Amino acid sequence: QVQLVESGGGLVQPGGSLRLSCGASGIIFNNYAMSWYRQAPGKEREWVARIFTSGLITNYADSVKGRFTISLDNAKNTMLLQMNSLKPEDTAVYFCNYQGRQGFYWGQGTQVTVSS
């Protein structure tokens, strides 16, 4: 069973930066996709960014393109999300997601609040 644990959330002022981490364990097969999603209060969960381990192809939602960067640290079995130029509308709980041969798994989420 895949287990995912997010960290790195917090309170930041508009224009600031945060880096989220997602530690993964229990992944057996090499080729899979890891994603970040977020859910703001009263809104549906939305996809933010995705990285494919095969070829390290990345995709981003239009709302974060150019500001967020997704990456993998294979040595540490960790997925990262570098978030720059943060806006109040980025405030949400951010979730890590695994999708592959072992199924579909979520982490517990980490809160990001962008406010002055």
Protein backbone atom coordinates (compact mmCIF):
# COMPACT_ATOMS: atom_id res chain seq x y z
CA GLN A 1 0.00 0.00 0.00
CA VAL A 2 1.25 3.45 -0.95
CA GLN A 3 1.52 5.99 1.84
CA LEU A 4 1.91 9.71 1.25
CA VAL A 5 2.75 12.37 3.83
CA GLU A 6 2.73 16.08 2.99
CA SER A 7 4.63 18.81 4.83
CA GLY A 8 5.79 22.37 4.36
CA GLY A 9 2.53 24.29 4.53
CA GLY A 10 2.09 27.45 6.53
CA LEU A 11 1.24 31.13 6.51
CA VAL A 12 2.95 33.38 3.97
CA GLN A 13 2.41 36.92 2.75
CA PRO A 14 1.29 37.63 -0.81
CA GLY A 15 4.26 37.50 -3.14
CA GLY A 16 6.09 35.07 -0.89
CA SER A 17 7.23 31.50 -1.44
CA LEU A 18 6.72 28.09 0.11
CA ARG A 19 7.98 24.63 -0.72
CA LEU A 20 5.75 21.64 -0.11
CA SER A 21 7.06 18.11 0.24
CA CYS A 22 5.33 14.77 -0.20
CA GLY A 23 7.14 11.77 1.22
CA ALA A 24 6.15 8.50 -0.41
CA SER A 25 6.57 4.92 0.75
CA GLY A 26 5.35 1.53 -0.45
CA ILE A 27 5.76 2.29 -4.16
CA ILE A 28 6.85 -0.87 -5.96
CA PHE A 29 6.60 -0.15 -9.68
CA ASN A 30 8.73 2.42 -11.47
CA ASN A 31 6.31 4.16 -13.82
CA TYR A 32 3.61 6.26 -12.20
CA ALA A 33 2.31 9.80 -11.87
CA MET A 34 2.46 12.04 -8.84
CA SER A 35 0.26 15.11 -8.55
CA TRP A 36 -0.63 18.01 -6.32
CA TYR A 37 -4.25 19.00 -5.81
CA ARG A 38 -5.73 21.70 -3.63
CA GLN A 39 -9.07 22.43 -2.02
CA ALA A 40 -10.14 25.86 -0.82
CA PRO A 41 -12.96 26.30 1.71
CA GLY A 42 -16.34 25.79 0.07
CA LYS A 43 -14.80 24.71 -3.24
CA GLU A 44 -14.16 21.44 -4.98
CA ARG A 45 -10.73 19.88 -5.01
CA GLU A 46 -8.78 21.02 -8.07
CA TRP A 47 -5.72 19.67 -9.80
CA VAL A 48 -2.58 21.83 -9.58
CA ALA A 49 0.37 20.00 -11.13
CA ARG A 50 1.52 16.55 -12.23
CA ILE A 51 4.82 14.81 -12.90
CA PHE A 52 5.32 11.49 -14.66
CA THR A 53 8.26 9.43 -13.45
CA SER A 54 8.79 8.16 -16.99
CA GLY A 55 10.49 11.03 -18.78
CA LEU A 56 9.83 13.48 -15.93
CA ILE A 57 7.11 15.18 -17.98
CA THR A 58 5.30 17.89 -16.05
CA ASN A 59 1.92 19.57 -16.45
CA TYR A 60 0.45 22.58 -14.67
CA ALA A 61 -2.93 24.18 -14.21
CA ASP A 62 -3.14 27.55 -15.94
CA SER A 63 -3.67 29.27 -12.60
CA VAL A 64 -0.19 28.27 -11.34
CA LYS A 65 1.83 28.02 -14.56
CA GLY A 66 5.01 30.05 -14.32
CA ARG A 67 4.78 30.34 -10.52
CA PHE A 68 4.83 26.73 -9.29
CA THR A 69 7.38 24.02 -10.06
CA ILE A 70 6.86 20.32 -9.42
CA SER A 71 9.83 17.97 -9.10
CA LEU A 72 10.96 14.60 -7.75
CA ASP A 73 13.81 13.79 -5.41
CA ASN A 74 14.16 10.09 -6.10
CA ALA A 75 16.93 9.62 -3.57
CA LYS A 76 14.53 10.68 -0.84
CA ASN A 77 11.33 9.27 -2.39
CA THR A 78 9.92 12.77 -2.21
CA MET A 79 7.87 14.98 -4.49
CA LEU A 80 8.28 18.73 -4.17
CA LEU A 81 6.17 21.73 -5.09
CA GLN A 82 8.02 25.04 -5.16
CA MET A 83 5.45 27.82 -4.97
CA ASN A 84 6.55 31.37 -5.79
CA SER A 85 4.69 34.67 -6.17
CA LEU A 86 1.90 33.33 -3.99
CA LYS A 87 -1.52 34.97 -4.12
CA PRO A 88 -4.40 34.97 -1.62
CA GLU A 89 -6.35 32.76 -4.04
CA ASP A 90 -3.68 30.06 -3.59
CA THR A 91 -4.96 29.57 -0.04
CA ALA A 92 -6.10 25.96 0.29
CA VAL A 93 -5.32 22.55 1.70
CA TYR A 94 -2.79 20.96 -0.65
CA PHE A 95 -2.93 17.21 -1.23
CA CYS A 96 -0.39 14.84 -2.67
CA ASN A 97 -1.64 12.11 -5.03
CA TYR A 98 -0.22 8.89 -6.47
CA GLN A 99 -1.70 7.25 -9.55
CA GLY A 100 -0.22 4.06 -11.00
CA ARG A 101 -0.39 0.27 -11.12
CA GLN A 102 -0.90 0.13 -7.37
CA GLY A 103 -4.00 2.29 -7.53
CA PHE A 104 -4.93 5.79 -6.50
CA TYR A 105 -3.81 7.24 -3.16
CA TRP A 106 -4.05 10.55 -1.30
CA GLY A 107 -2.06 12.14 1.46
CA GLN A 108 -3.71 13.83 4.42
CA GLY A 109 -3.09 17.38 3.17
CA THR A 110 -1.18 20.43 4.35
CA GLN A 111 -2.65 23.91 4.83
CA VAL A 112 -1.30 26.84 2.84
CA THR A 113 -2.55 30.29 3.80
CA VAL A 114 -1.57 33.38 1.81
CA SER A 115 -2.49 36.52 3.72
CA SER A 116 -1.06 39.82 4.86
